[in-house]
Amino acid sequence: MTKLSLTLLLALAVSGVASFPTTVYAQNDGAQQEQRSEGRRNRGPRGGGPRGGRFGLLDLLRVEEVQKELQLTEDQLTAVESFSKDANEGRPEFPENFREMTEEEQAAFRQKMEEWSSMQNESAKAVLSTLLEAGQYERLTQISIQQRGVAALKDAAIADQLGLSKEQRTKISAAIDESQGLLRSEMQAAFQGGQAGSDRDAIRKKIEELRINSETKVLAELTSDQKTEFVTMQGEAFEMPQRSFGGRGGGRPGGRGRRSRNDGQD
């Protein structure tokens, strides 16, 4: 693991924006899983730990594989790129001295970043719901929920759709916040102890343990029906590339087929 990638992971962890892709598929009742359409791919856990970023809608649209999955047109790509540039204005700059900041200063920055991200995502929803076709927007939302995992349950719109009670929301939020706090502590300890570059397997193992514990606590707060609905909201499994989020990639999507569904076909 390079110094850069480790630094990015620390930045995401201490910013409170790392999310755990869900394994609710495995937690759900086997009979309920078999009720899914036969054409859907296996929805088991994907990835060994938290992936960086908040997986906002605009972040996802920068991934070429997502562009292909949605079959975005040239005009749509151009419009998305233009809106993305405008939306990123005012993004809080990650302080270079974050590790030297006090806990209060770090907490203040995390709060500032979360508030900005929330505002940006709400703005993106309003614009993209009109820019994209209904089916494209629905699929984008499904992929976003998949990538955020159980952390998506803190989204008010998702909580409303699942019919979560006030008590459920409070417990779920507390469990997710606790897991993110533990992740930050582990990453900071690894960097301060000089283990980040030499013991990456141990770090990954610890992150995986935190992910499993987080999912177990969060999913325990859902009813059986809510778990089933949460799976349905994620749609067909989408395999996110392991590389970090980047620009639009090397190609343009005009007329390109869906990534996982038409691979190898002309």
C-alpha atoms as a PDB file:
ATOM      1  CA  MET A   1       0.000   0.000   0.000  1.00  0.00           C
ATOM      2  CA  THR A   2       1.552   3.313  -1.019  1.00  0.00           C
ATOM      3  CA  LYS A   3       2.041   6.243   1.304  1.00  0.00           C
ATOM      4  CA  LEU A   4      -0.443   8.232  -0.773  1.00  0.00           C
ATOM      5  CA  SER A   5      -3.200   5.637  -0.549  1.00  0.00           C
ATOM      6  CA  LEU A   6      -2.670   5.255   3.175  1.00  0.00           C
ATOM      7  CA  THR A   7      -2.813   9.002   3.627  1.00  0.00           C
ATOM      8  CA  LEU A   8      -6.076   9.127   1.706  1.00  0.00           C
ATOM      9  CA  LEU A   9      -7.521   6.362   3.857  1.00  0.00           C
ATOM     10  CA  LEU A  10      -6.533   8.218   6.999  1.00  0.00           C
ATOM     11  CA  ALA A  11      -8.042  11.400   5.621  1.00  0.00           C
ATOM     12  CA  LEU A  12     -11.316   9.619   4.936  1.00  0.00           C
ATOM     13  CA  ALA A  13     -11.306   7.947   8.312  1.00  0.00           C
ATOM     14  CA  VAL A  14     -10.619  11.027  10.387  1.00  0.00           C
ATOM     15  CA  SER A  15     -13.103  13.000   8.325  1.00  0.00           C
ATOM     16  CA  GLY A  16     -15.807  10.545   9.297  1.00  0.00           C
ATOM     17  CA  VAL A  17     -16.677   9.803   5.697  1.00  0.00           C
ATOM     18  CA  ALA A  18     -15.548   6.201   5.324  1.00  0.00           C
ATOM     19  CA  SER A  19     -18.468   3.869   4.760  1.00  0.00           C
ATOM     20  CA  PHE A  20     -18.904   0.131   5.024  1.00  0.00           C
ATOM     21  CA  PRO A  21     -20.327  -1.682   1.964  1.00  0.00           C
ATOM     22  CA  THR A  22     -23.145  -3.800   3.278  1.00  0.00           C
ATOM     23  CA  THR A  23     -23.385  -7.558   3.638  1.00  0.00           C
ATOM     24  CA  VAL A  24     -27.087  -7.417   4.324  1.00  0.00           C
ATOM     25  CA  TYR A  25     -27.463  -9.959   1.538  1.00  0.00           C
ATOM     26  CA  ALA A  26     -25.810 -12.591   3.684  1.00  0.00           C
ATOM     27  CA  GLN A  27     -27.655 -11.474   6.805  1.00  0.00           C
ATOM     28  CA  ASN A  28     -31.047 -11.790   5.172  1.00  0.00           C
ATOM     29  CA  ASP A  29     -33.089 -14.976   5.235  1.00  0.00           C
ATOM     30  CA  GLY A  30     -32.017 -17.455   2.556  1.00  0.00           C
ATOM     31  CA  ALA A  31     -35.550 -18.017   1.364  1.00  0.00           C
ATOM     32  CA  GLN A  32     -36.045 -14.299   0.918  1.00  0.00           C
ATOM     33  CA  GLN A  33     -32.893 -14.083  -1.184  1.00  0.00           C
ATOM     34  CA  GLU A  34     -34.126 -16.810  -3.512  1.00  0.00           C
ATOM     35  CA  GLN A  35     -37.221 -14.753  -4.246  1.00  0.00           C
ATOM     36  CA  ARG A  36     -35.045 -12.307  -6.202  1.00  0.00           C
ATOM     37  CA  SER A  37     -35.297 -12.634  -9.971  1.00  0.00           C
ATOM     38  CA  GLU A  38     -33.205 -15.445 -11.432  1.00  0.00           C
ATOM     39  CA  GLY A  39     -31.387 -13.051 -13.730  1.00  0.00           C
ATOM     40  CA  ARG A  40     -29.766 -11.129 -10.880  1.00  0.00           C
ATOM     41  CA  ARG A  41     -26.175 -11.720  -9.996  1.00  0.00           C
ATOM     42  CA  ASN A  42     -25.021 -12.966  -6.610  1.00  0.00           C
ATOM     43  CA  ARG A  43     -25.278 -10.215  -4.030  1.00  0.00           C
ATOM     44  CA  GLY A  44     -22.742 -11.413  -1.509  1.00  0.00           C
ATOM     45  CA  PRO A  45     -20.254  -9.130   0.204  1.00  0.00           C
ATOM     46  CA  ARG A  46     -18.051  -7.209  -2.208  1.00  0.00           C
ATOM     47  CA  GLY A  47     -14.751  -5.928  -0.938  1.00  0.00           C
ATOM     48  CA  GLY A  48     -12.844  -6.531   2.271  1.00  0.00           C
ATOM     49  CA  GLY A  49     -13.420  -3.288   4.093  1.00  0.00           C
ATOM     50  CA  PRO A  50     -14.566   0.281   3.909  1.00  0.00           C
ATOM     51  CA  ARG A  51     -14.067   2.086   0.662  1.00  0.00           C
ATOM     52  CA  GLY A  52     -13.248   5.747   0.753  1.00  0.00           C
ATOM     53  CA  GLY A  53     -15.560   8.600   0.044  1.00  0.00           C
ATOM     54  CA  ARG A  54     -19.207   9.260   0.706  1.00  0.00           C
ATOM     55  CA  PHE A  55     -20.241   7.833  -2.642  1.00  0.00           C
ATOM     56  CA  GLY A  56     -22.300  10.872  -3.474  1.00  0.00           C
ATOM     57  CA  LEU A  57     -24.151  10.784  -6.753  1.00  0.00           C
ATOM     58  CA  LEU A  58     -21.670  13.100  -8.459  1.00  0.00           C
ATOM     59  CA  ASP A  59     -18.719  11.082  -7.145  1.00  0.00           C
ATOM     60  CA  LEU A  60     -20.199   7.952  -8.675  1.00  0.00           C
ATOM     61  CA  LEU A  61     -20.813   9.638 -12.017  1.00  0.00           C
ATOM     62  CA  ARG A  62     -17.072  10.319 -12.299  1.00  0.00           C
ATOM     63  CA  VAL A  63     -16.426   6.568 -12.455  1.00  0.00           C
ATOM     64  CA  GLU A  64     -16.322   5.329 -16.041  1.00  0.00           C
ATOM     65  CA  GLU A  65     -17.839   1.960 -15.146  1.00  0.00           C
ATOM     66  CA  VAL A  66     -20.832   3.732 -13.629  1.00  0.00           C
ATOM     67  CA  GLN A  67     -21.173   5.874 -16.746  1.00  0.00           C
ATOM     68  CA  LYS A  68     -21.267   2.689 -18.822  1.00  0.00           C
ATOM     69  CA  GLU A  69     -23.769   1.031 -16.507  1.00  0.00           C
ATOM     70  CA  LEU A  70     -26.111   4.002 -16.864  1.00  0.00           C
ATOM     71  CA  GLN A  71     -25.407   4.282 -20.600  1.00  0.00           C
ATOM     72  CA  LEU A  72     -24.919   8.027 -20.348  1.00  0.00           C
ATOM     73  CA  THR A  73     -25.027   9.982 -23.592  1.00  0.00           C
ATOM     74  CA  GLU A  74     -22.449  12.533 -24.699  1.00  0.00           C
ATOM     75  CA  ASP A  75     -24.821  15.368 -23.847  1.00  0.00           C
ATOM     76  CA  GLN A  76     -25.483  13.958 -20.399  1.00  0.00           C
ATOM     77  CA  LEU A  77     -21.764  13.554 -19.694  1.00  0.00           C
ATOM     78  CA  THR A  78     -21.076  17.121 -20.720  1.00  0.00           C
ATOM     79  CA  ALA A  79     -23.899  18.419 -18.535  1.00  0.00           C
ATOM     80  CA  VAL A  80     -22.784  16.335 -15.559  1.00  0.00           C
ATOM     81  CA  GLU A  81     -19.196  17.531 -15.917  1.00  0.00           C
ATOM     82  CA  SER A  82     -20.302  21.153 -16.030  1.00  0.00           C
ATOM     83  CA  PHE A  83     -22.542  20.792 -12.984  1.00  0.00           C
ATOM     84  CA  SER A  84     -19.836  18.896 -11.106  1.00  0.00           C
ATOM     85  CA  LYS A  85     -17.352  21.729 -11.536  1.00  0.00           C
ATOM     86  CA  ASP A  86     -19.845  24.241 -10.180  1.00  0.00           C
ATOM     87  CA  ALA A  87     -20.899  21.963  -7.326  1.00  0.00           C
ATOM     88  CA  ASN A  88     -17.321  21.474  -6.120  1.00  0.00           C
ATOM     89  CA  GLU A  89     -16.808  25.168  -5.553  1.00  0.00           C
ATOM     90  CA  GLY A  90     -16.566  25.838  -1.858  1.00  0.00           C
ATOM     91  CA  ARG A  91     -15.437  22.312  -0.944  1.00  0.00           C
ATOM     92  CA  PRO A  92     -13.582  22.521   2.384  1.00  0.00           C
ATOM     93  CA  GLU A  93      -9.861  21.993   1.910  1.00  0.00           C
ATOM     94  CA  PHE A  94      -8.429  19.126   3.937  1.00  0.00           C
ATOM     95  CA  PRO A  95      -5.917  20.751   6.308  1.00  0.00           C
ATOM     96  CA  GLU A  96      -2.336  19.569   5.847  1.00  0.00           C
ATOM     97  CA  ASN A  97      -1.793  19.691   9.597  1.00  0.00           C
ATOM     98  CA  PHE A  98      -4.903  17.664  10.431  1.00  0.00           C
ATOM     99  CA  ARG A  99      -2.961  15.120  12.474  1.00  0.00           C
ATOM    100  CA  GLU A 100      -1.560  17.915  14.630  1.00  0.00           C
ATOM    101  CA  MET A 101      -4.948  19.538  15.222  1.00  0.00           C
ATOM    102  CA  THR A 102      -6.768  19.165  18.532  1.00  0.00           C
ATOM    103  CA  GLU A 103      -9.705  16.776  18.805  1.00  0.00           C
ATOM    104  CA  GLU A 104     -12.046  19.760  18.919  1.00  0.00           C
ATOM    105  CA  GLU A 105     -10.543  21.210  15.732  1.00  0.00           C
ATOM    106  CA  GLN A 106     -10.767  17.846  13.974  1.00  0.00           C
ATOM    107  CA  ALA A 107     -14.383  17.434  15.044  1.00  0.00           C
ATOM    108  CA  ALA A 108     -15.180  20.922  13.764  1.00  0.00           C
ATOM    109  CA  PHE A 109     -13.667  20.104  10.378  1.00  0.00           C
ATOM    110  CA  ARG A 110     -15.543  16.812  10.162  1.00  0.00           C
ATOM    111  CA  GLN A 111     -18.778  18.622  10.917  1.00  0.00           C
ATOM    112  CA  LYS A 112     -18.016  21.248   8.288  1.00  0.00           C
ATOM    113  CA  MET A 113     -17.226  18.577   5.691  1.00  0.00           C
ATOM    114  CA  GLU A 114     -20.372  16.591   6.452  1.00  0.00           C
ATOM    115  CA  GLU A 115     -22.551  19.691   6.202  1.00  0.00           C
ATOM    116  CA  TRP A 116     -21.004  20.609   2.852  1.00  0.00           C
ATOM    117  CA  SER A 117     -21.367  17.051   1.537  1.00  0.00           C
ATOM    118  CA  SER A 118     -25.006  16.920   2.602  1.00  0.00           C
ATOM    119  CA  MET A 119     -25.803  20.195   0.865  1.00  0.00           C
ATOM    120  CA  GLN A 120     -23.967  19.118  -2.289  1.00  0.00           C
ATOM    121  CA  ASN A 121     -25.774  15.787  -2.447  1.00  0.00           C
ATOM    122  CA  GLU A 122     -29.202  17.376  -2.030  1.00  0.00           C
ATOM    123  CA  SER A 123     -28.389  19.807  -4.824  1.00  0.00           C
ATOM    124  CA  ALA A 124     -27.149  16.935  -6.993  1.00  0.00           C
ATOM    125  CA  LYS A 125     -30.363  14.972  -6.414  1.00  0.00           C
ATOM    126  CA  ALA A 126     -32.461  17.874  -7.640  1.00  0.00           C
ATOM    127  CA  VAL A 127     -30.382  18.397 -10.786  1.00  0.00           C
ATOM    128  CA  LEU A 128     -29.691  14.773 -11.681  1.00  0.00           C
ATOM    129  CA  SER A 129     -33.304  13.694 -11.241  1.00  0.00           C
ATOM    130  CA  THR A 130     -34.124  15.916 -14.222  1.00  0.00           C
ATOM    131  CA  LEU A 131     -30.882  15.474 -16.185  1.00  0.00           C
ATOM    132  CA  LEU A 132     -31.024  11.667 -16.156  1.00  0.00           C
ATOM    133  CA  GLU A 133     -33.747   9.383 -17.404  1.00  0.00           C
ATOM    134  CA  ALA A 134     -35.893   7.860 -14.658  1.00  0.00           C
ATOM    135  CA  GLY A 135     -34.264   4.448 -15.052  1.00  0.00           C
ATOM    136  CA  GLN A 136     -30.764   5.933 -15.015  1.00  0.00           C
ATOM    137  CA  TYR A 137     -31.425   7.919 -11.854  1.00  0.00           C
ATOM    138  CA  GLU A 138     -32.937   4.897 -10.119  1.00  0.00           C
ATOM    139  CA  ARG A 139     -29.901   2.762 -10.984  1.00  0.00           C
ATOM    140  CA  LEU A 140     -27.516   5.479  -9.812  1.00  0.00           C
ATOM    141  CA  THR A 141     -29.352   5.622  -6.498  1.00  0.00           C
ATOM    142  CA  GLN A 142     -29.147   1.835  -6.155  1.00  0.00           C
ATOM    143  CA  ILE A 143     -25.389   1.862  -6.729  1.00  0.00           C
ATOM    144  CA  SER A 144     -24.979   4.662  -4.212  1.00  0.00           C
ATOM    145  CA  ILE A 145     -26.802   2.655  -1.543  1.00  0.00           C
ATOM    146  CA  GLN A 146     -24.702  -0.423  -2.330  1.00  0.00           C
ATOM    147  CA  GLN A 147     -21.459   1.485  -1.913  1.00  0.00           C
ATOM    148  CA  ARG A 148     -22.502   3.281   1.264  1.00  0.00           C
ATOM    149  CA  GLY A 149     -23.706   0.062   2.832  1.00  0.00           C
ATOM    150  CA  VAL A 150     -25.360   0.327   6.235  1.00  0.00           C
ATOM    151  CA  ALA A 151     -24.184   3.939   6.456  1.00  0.00           C
ATOM    152  CA  ALA A 152     -26.907   4.708   3.900  1.00  0.00           C
ATOM    153  CA  LEU A 153     -29.451   4.109   6.648  1.00  0.00           C
ATOM    154  CA  LYS A 154     -28.522   7.504   8.101  1.00  0.00           C
ATOM    155  CA  ASP A 155     -29.962   9.088   4.960  1.00  0.00           C
ATOM    156  CA  ALA A 156     -33.333  10.540   5.959  1.00  0.00           C
ATOM    157  CA  ALA A 157     -34.945   9.656   2.627  1.00  0.00           C
ATOM    158  CA  ILE A 158     -33.874   6.020   2.902  1.00  0.00           C
ATOM    159  CA  ALA A 159     -34.912   5.839   6.547  1.00  0.00           C
ATOM    160  CA  ASP A 160     -38.307   7.245   5.603  1.00  0.00           C
ATOM    161  CA  GLN A 161     -38.764   4.715   2.808  1.00  0.00           C
ATOM    162  CA  LEU A 162     -37.956   1.873   5.191  1.00  0.00           C
ATOM    163  CA  GLY A 163     -40.287   3.281   7.810  1.00  0.00           C
ATOM    164  CA  LEU A 164     -37.614   3.467  10.504  1.00  0.00           C
ATOM    165  CA  SER A 165     -38.850   4.653  13.868  1.00  0.00           C
ATOM    166  CA  LYS A 166     -37.193   7.477  15.784  1.00  0.00           C
ATOM    167  CA  GLU A 167     -35.682   4.928  18.156  1.00  0.00           C
ATOM    168  CA  GLN A 168     -34.287   2.871  15.274  1.00  0.00           C
ATOM    169  CA  ARG A 169     -32.729   5.931  13.668  1.00  0.00           C
ATOM    170  CA  THR A 170     -31.095   6.956  16.925  1.00  0.00           C
ATOM    171  CA  LYS A 171     -29.611   3.509  17.564  1.00  0.00           C
ATOM    172  CA  ILE A 172     -28.453   3.085  13.966  1.00  0.00           C
ATOM    173  CA  SER A 173     -26.806   6.502  13.911  1.00  0.00           C
ATOM    174  CA  ALA A 174     -25.046   5.790  17.202  1.00  0.00           C
ATOM    175  CA  ALA A 175     -23.757   2.413  15.974  1.00  0.00           C
ATOM    176  CA  ILE A 176     -22.416   3.896  12.735  1.00  0.00           C
ATOM    177  CA  ASP A 177     -20.808   6.854  14.509  1.00  0.00           C
ATOM    178  CA  GLU A 178     -19.177   4.482  16.987  1.00  0.00           C
ATOM    179  CA  SER A 179     -17.730   2.356  14.191  1.00  0.00           C
ATOM    180  CA  GLN A 180     -16.389   5.392  12.360  1.00  0.00           C
ATOM    181  CA  GLY A 181     -14.830   6.626  15.586  1.00  0.00           C
ATOM    182  CA  LEU A 182     -13.116   3.282  16.127  1.00  0.00           C
ATOM    183  CA  LEU A 183     -11.880   3.326  12.535  1.00  0.00           C
ATOM    184  CA  ARG A 184     -10.391   6.787  13.008  1.00  0.00           C
ATOM    185  CA  SER A 185      -8.665   5.677  16.198  1.00  0.00           C
ATOM    186  CA  GLU A 186      -7.212   2.574  14.562  1.00  0.00           C
ATOM    187  CA  MET A 187      -5.897   4.493  11.564  1.00  0.00           C
ATOM    188  CA  GLN A 188      -4.406   7.259  13.681  1.00  0.00           C
ATOM    189  CA  ALA A 189      -2.728   4.705  15.942  1.00  0.00           C
ATOM    190  CA  ALA A 190      -1.296   2.905  12.913  1.00  0.00           C
ATOM    191  CA  PHE A 191       0.198   6.099  11.522  1.00  0.00           C
ATOM    192  CA  GLN A 192       1.529   7.339  14.834  1.00  0.00           C
ATOM    193  CA  GLY A 193       3.055   3.938  15.562  1.00  0.00           C
ATOM    194  CA  GLY A 194       4.679   3.710  12.141  1.00  0.00           C
ATOM    195  CA  GLN A 195       2.723   0.558  11.276  1.00  0.00           C
ATOM    196  CA  ALA A 196       0.795   1.905   8.295  1.00  0.00           C
ATOM    197  CA  GLY A 197       3.389   0.998   5.682  1.00  0.00           C
ATOM    198  CA  SER A 198       4.719  -2.239   7.178  1.00  0.00           C
ATOM    199  CA  ASP A 199       1.647  -3.985   8.567  1.00  0.00           C
ATOM    200  CA  ARG A 200      -1.080  -3.312   6.022  1.00  0.00           C
ATOM    201  CA  ASP A 201      -2.506  -6.839   6.340  1.00  0.00           C
ATOM    202  CA  ALA A 202      -3.129  -6.294  10.037  1.00  0.00           C
ATOM    203  CA  ILE A 203      -4.785  -2.959   9.260  1.00  0.00           C
ATOM    204  CA  ARG A 204      -7.039  -4.558   6.666  1.00  0.00           C
ATOM    205  CA  LYS A 205      -7.967  -7.318   9.110  1.00  0.00           C
ATOM    206  CA  LYS A 206      -8.895  -4.775  11.758  1.00  0.00           C
ATOM    207  CA  ILE A 207     -10.956  -2.776   9.277  1.00  0.00           C
ATOM    208  CA  GLU A 208     -12.784  -5.949   8.262  1.00  0.00           C
ATOM    209  CA  GLU A 209     -13.557  -6.691  11.910  1.00  0.00           C
ATOM    210  CA  LEU A 210     -14.934  -3.182  12.362  1.00  0.00           C
ATOM    211  CA  ARG A 211     -17.054  -3.562   9.234  1.00  0.00           C
ATOM    212  CA  ILE A 212     -18.573  -6.829  10.394  1.00  0.00           C
ATOM    213  CA  ASN A 213     -19.255  -5.495  13.886  1.00  0.00           C
ATOM    214  CA  SER A 214     -20.844  -2.355  12.468  1.00  0.00           C
ATOM    215  CA  GLU A 215     -23.121  -4.261  10.120  1.00  0.00           C
ATOM    216  CA  THR A 216     -24.144  -6.711  12.822  1.00  0.00           C
ATOM    217  CA  LYS A 217     -25.168  -3.929  15.190  1.00  0.00           C
ATOM    218  CA  VAL A 218     -26.948  -1.869  12.557  1.00  0.00           C
ATOM    219  CA  LEU A 219     -28.816  -4.702  10.856  1.00  0.00           C
ATOM    220  CA  ALA A 220     -29.971  -5.999  14.235  1.00  0.00           C
ATOM    221  CA  GLU A 221     -32.073  -2.841  14.527  1.00  0.00           C
ATOM    222  CA  LEU A 222     -34.040  -3.633  11.348  1.00  0.00           C
ATOM    223  CA  THR A 223     -37.076  -5.853  11.136  1.00  0.00           C
ATOM    224  CA  SER A 224     -37.100  -8.762   8.696  1.00  0.00           C
ATOM    225  CA  ASP A 225     -39.295  -6.790   6.296  1.00  0.00           C
ATOM    226  CA  GLN A 226     -37.003  -3.762   6.510  1.00  0.00           C
ATOM    227  CA  LYS A 227     -33.956  -5.901   5.719  1.00  0.00           C
ATOM    228  CA  THR A 228     -35.737  -7.306   2.692  1.00  0.00           C
ATOM    229  CA  GLU A 229     -36.702  -3.823   1.511  1.00  0.00           C
ATOM    230  CA  PHE A 230     -33.150  -2.576   2.042  1.00  0.00           C
ATOM    231  CA  VAL A 231     -31.885  -5.334  -0.260  1.00  0.00           C
ATOM    232  CA  THR A 232     -34.501  -4.436  -2.866  1.00  0.00           C
ATOM    233  CA  MET A 233     -33.457  -0.778  -2.753  1.00  0.00           C
ATOM    234  CA  GLN A 234     -29.930  -1.776  -3.813  1.00  0.00           C
ATOM    235  CA  GLY A 235     -30.984  -3.424  -7.064  1.00  0.00           C
ATOM    236  CA  GLU A 236     -28.654  -5.684  -9.026  1.00  0.00           C
ATOM    237  CA  ALA A 237     -25.150  -6.023  -7.612  1.00  0.00           C
ATOM    238  CA  PHE A 238     -22.608  -3.645  -9.153  1.00  0.00           C
ATOM    239  CA  GLU A 239     -18.892  -4.349  -8.862  1.00  0.00           C
ATOM    240  CA  MET A 240     -17.122  -1.076  -8.189  1.00  0.00           C
ATOM    241  CA  PRO A 241     -13.536  -0.975  -9.529  1.00  0.00           C
ATOM    242  CA  GLN A 242     -10.899  -1.046  -6.814  1.00  0.00           C
ATOM    243  CA  ARG A 243      -9.062   1.970  -8.171  1.00  0.00           C
ATOM    244  CA  SER A 244      -9.810   5.290  -6.548  1.00  0.00           C
ATOM    245  CA  PHE A 245     -12.462   7.627  -7.871  1.00  0.00           C
ATOM    246  CA  GLY A 246     -11.185   9.569 -10.831  1.00  0.00           C
ATOM    247  CA  GLY A 247     -12.328  11.540 -13.801  1.00  0.00           C
ATOM    248  CA  ARG A 248     -14.327  10.332 -16.734  1.00  0.00           C
ATOM    249  CA  GLY A 249     -11.780   7.757 -17.733  1.00  0.00           C
ATOM    250  CA  GLY A 250     -10.309   7.194 -21.142  1.00  0.00           C
ATOM    251  CA  GLY A 251     -13.483   6.790 -23.153  1.00  0.00           C
ATOM    252  CA  ARG A 252     -16.809   8.419 -23.863  1.00  0.00           C
ATOM    253  CA  PRO A 253     -19.980   6.396 -23.397  1.00  0.00           C
ATOM    254  CA  GLY A 254     -21.867   7.159 -26.582  1.00  0.00           C
ATOM    255  CA  GLY A 255     -23.683   3.952 -27.495  1.00  0.00           C
ATOM    256  CA  ARG A 256     -21.725   1.779 -25.075  1.00  0.00           C
ATOM    257  CA  GLY A 257     -23.441  -1.230 -23.554  1.00  0.00           C
ATOM    258  CA  ARG A 258     -23.861  -1.873 -19.886  1.00  0.00           C
ATOM    259  CA  ARG A 259     -20.690  -2.973 -18.202  1.00  0.00           C
ATOM    260  CA  SER A 260     -21.432  -6.229 -16.452  1.00  0.00           C
ATOM    261  CA  ARG A 261     -24.397  -7.256 -18.543  1.00  0.00           C
ATOM    262  CA  ASN A 262     -22.874  -7.057 -22.017  1.00  0.00           C
ATOM    263  CA  ASP A 263     -19.210  -7.773 -21.390  1.00  0.00           C
ATOM    264  CA  GLY A 264     -17.750  -9.751 -24.221  1.00  0.00           C
ATOM    265  CA  GLN A 265     -20.643  -8.994 -26.538  1.00  0.00           C
ATOM    266  CA  ASP A 266     -20.572  -6.813 -29.629  1.00  0.00           C
END
